Amino acid sequence: MNSIAFWTFLLLGCMSIGGYFMFRKFLKVLPKADGKSKLDWQNYWVERSRPLWSDEMKAFLDQLVSFLEKKASTTLHTST
């Protein structure tokens, strides 16, 4: 009986933590009073500051992004 209670609390705790982070991501996507979300503003400022970066830094950023895109696509393909 104790093991059932332990697993119940463990699963509820894990689902609560996961739900919290999913809800935070959902809130970032919602538009604010100006009609843009936090993620829209983040992308705006990254694109606006791109001319300030050196070519070496742009290449490094593209390398990081391509690695993450590859990793995300392989994760999606293996999970289905």
C-alpha atoms as a PDB file:
ATOM      1  CA  MET A   1       0.000   0.000   0.000  1.00  0.00           C
ATOM      2  CA  ASN A   2       2.883   2.381   0.749  1.00  0.00           C
ATOM      3  CA  SER A   3       4.328   1.841  -2.715  1.00  0.00           C
ATOM      4  CA  ILE A   4       1.024   2.858  -4.338  1.00  0.00           C
ATOM      5  CA  ALA A   5       0.975   6.078  -2.324  1.00  0.00           C
ATOM      6  CA  PHE A   6       4.635   6.743  -3.167  1.00  0.00           C
ATOM      7  CA  TRP A   7       4.081   6.313  -6.926  1.00  0.00           C
ATOM      8  CA  THR A   8       0.887   8.365  -6.790  1.00  0.00           C
ATOM      9  CA  PHE A   9       2.675  11.319  -5.199  1.00  0.00           C
ATOM     10  CA  LEU A  10       5.686  10.920  -7.475  1.00  0.00           C
ATOM     11  CA  LEU A  11       3.574  10.918 -10.648  1.00  0.00           C
ATOM     12  CA  LEU A  12       1.420  13.820  -9.461  1.00  0.00           C
ATOM     13  CA  GLY A  13       4.548  15.788  -8.582  1.00  0.00           C
ATOM     14  CA  CYS A  14       6.147  15.148 -11.972  1.00  0.00           C
ATOM     15  CA  MET A  15       2.964  16.060 -13.849  1.00  0.00           C
ATOM     16  CA  SER A  16       2.627  19.246 -11.788  1.00  0.00           C
ATOM     17  CA  ILE A  17       6.181  20.320 -12.559  1.00  0.00           C
ATOM     18  CA  GLY A  18       5.751  19.560 -16.275  1.00  0.00           C
ATOM     19  CA  GLY A  19       2.411  21.353 -16.391  1.00  0.00           C
ATOM     20  CA  TYR A  20       3.925  24.424 -14.758  1.00  0.00           C
ATOM     21  CA  PHE A  21       6.602  24.741 -17.458  1.00  0.00           C
ATOM     22  CA  MET A  22       4.110  24.049 -20.254  1.00  0.00           C
ATOM     23  CA  PHE A  23       1.824  26.772 -18.872  1.00  0.00           C
ATOM     24  CA  ARG A  24       4.723  29.238 -18.721  1.00  0.00           C
ATOM     25  CA  LYS A  25       5.495  28.570 -22.391  1.00  0.00           C
ATOM     26  CA  PHE A  26       1.805  29.045 -23.225  1.00  0.00           C
ATOM     27  CA  LEU A  27       1.798  32.434 -21.466  1.00  0.00           C
ATOM     28  CA  LYS A  28       4.809  33.590 -23.518  1.00  0.00           C
ATOM     29  CA  VAL A  29       2.917  32.907 -26.758  1.00  0.00           C
ATOM     30  CA  LEU A  30      -0.178  34.914 -25.782  1.00  0.00           C
ATOM     31  CA  PRO A  31      -0.297  38.416 -27.286  1.00  0.00           C
ATOM     32  CA  LYS A  32       0.161  41.337 -24.911  1.00  0.00           C
ATOM     33  CA  ALA A  33      -1.577  44.740 -25.022  1.00  0.00           C
ATOM     34  CA  ASP A  34       0.501  45.803 -28.049  1.00  0.00           C
ATOM     35  CA  GLY A  35      -0.615  42.736 -30.015  1.00  0.00           C
ATOM     36  CA  LYS A  36       2.743  40.948 -29.903  1.00  0.00           C
ATOM     37  CA  SER A  37       3.827  38.137 -27.613  1.00  0.00           C
ATOM     38  CA  LYS A  38       7.082  37.915 -25.667  1.00  0.00           C
ATOM     39  CA  LEU A  39       8.416  35.482 -28.263  1.00  0.00           C
ATOM     40  CA  ASP A  40       7.540  37.920 -31.079  1.00  0.00           C
ATOM     41  CA  TRP A  41       9.518  40.666 -29.345  1.00  0.00           C
ATOM     42  CA  GLN A  42      12.403  38.294 -28.698  1.00  0.00           C
ATOM     43  CA  ASN A  43      12.607  37.423 -32.401  1.00  0.00           C
ATOM     44  CA  TYR A  44      12.267  41.099 -33.347  1.00  0.00           C
ATOM     45  CA  TRP A  45      15.227  42.174 -31.215  1.00  0.00           C
ATOM     46  CA  VAL A  46      17.389  39.264 -32.355  1.00  0.00           C
ATOM     47  CA  GLU A  47      16.779  40.184 -35.998  1.00  0.00           C
ATOM     48  CA  ARG A  48      17.266  43.894 -35.295  1.00  0.00           C
ATOM     49  CA  SER A  49      20.611  43.295 -33.564  1.00  0.00           C
ATOM     50  CA  ARG A  50      21.899  40.883 -36.232  1.00  0.00           C
ATOM     51  CA  PRO A  51      23.826  43.637 -38.157  1.00  0.00           C
ATOM     52  CA  LEU A  52      25.819  44.302 -34.971  1.00  0.00           C
ATOM     53  CA  TRP A  53      27.223  40.761 -34.962  1.00  0.00           C
ATOM     54  CA  SER A  54      30.467  39.825 -36.648  1.00  0.00           C
ATOM     55  CA  ASP A  55      30.497  37.235 -39.440  1.00  0.00           C
ATOM     56  CA  GLU A  56      32.202  34.783 -37.103  1.00  0.00           C
ATOM     57  CA  MET A  57      29.438  35.152 -34.502  1.00  0.00           C
ATOM     58  CA  LYS A  58      26.727  34.770 -37.173  1.00  0.00           C
ATOM     59  CA  ALA A  59      28.359  31.543 -38.382  1.00  0.00           C
ATOM     60  CA  PHE A  60      28.510  30.255 -34.808  1.00  0.00           C
ATOM     61  CA  LEU A  61      24.837  31.109 -34.247  1.00  0.00           C
ATOM     62  CA  ASP A  62      23.840  29.350 -37.477  1.00  0.00           C
ATOM     63  CA  GLN A  63      25.866  26.310 -36.400  1.00  0.00           C
ATOM     64  CA  LEU A  64      24.069  26.209 -33.034  1.00  0.00           C
ATOM     65  CA  VAL A  65      20.641  26.630 -34.601  1.00  0.00           C
ATOM     66  CA  SER A  66      21.248  23.945 -37.218  1.00  0.00           C
ATOM     67  CA  PHE A  67      22.417  21.532 -34.500  1.00  0.00           C
ATOM     68  CA  LEU A  68      19.275  22.175 -32.455  1.00  0.00           C
ATOM     69  CA  GLU A  69      17.029  21.833 -35.510  1.00  0.00           C
ATOM     70  CA  LYS A  70      18.661  18.496 -36.383  1.00  0.00           C
ATOM     71  CA  LYS A  71      18.310  17.301 -32.809  1.00  0.00           C
ATOM     72  CA  ALA A  72      14.653  18.353 -32.646  1.00  0.00           C
ATOM     73  CA  SER A  73      13.813  16.679 -35.950  1.00  0.00           C
ATOM     74  CA  THR A  74      15.482  13.395 -34.935  1.00  0.00           C
ATOM     75  CA  THR A  75      13.679  13.504 -31.596  1.00  0.00           C
ATOM     76  CA  LEU A  76      10.348  13.984 -33.347  1.00  0.00           C
ATOM     77  CA  HIS A  77      10.999  11.155 -35.800  1.00  0.00           C
ATOM     78  CA  THR A  78      12.084   8.682 -33.121  1.00  0.00           C
ATOM     79  CA  SER A  79       9.187   9.458 -30.778  1.00  0.00           C
ATOM     80  CA  THR A  80       6.466   8.739 -33.359  1.00  0.00           C
END
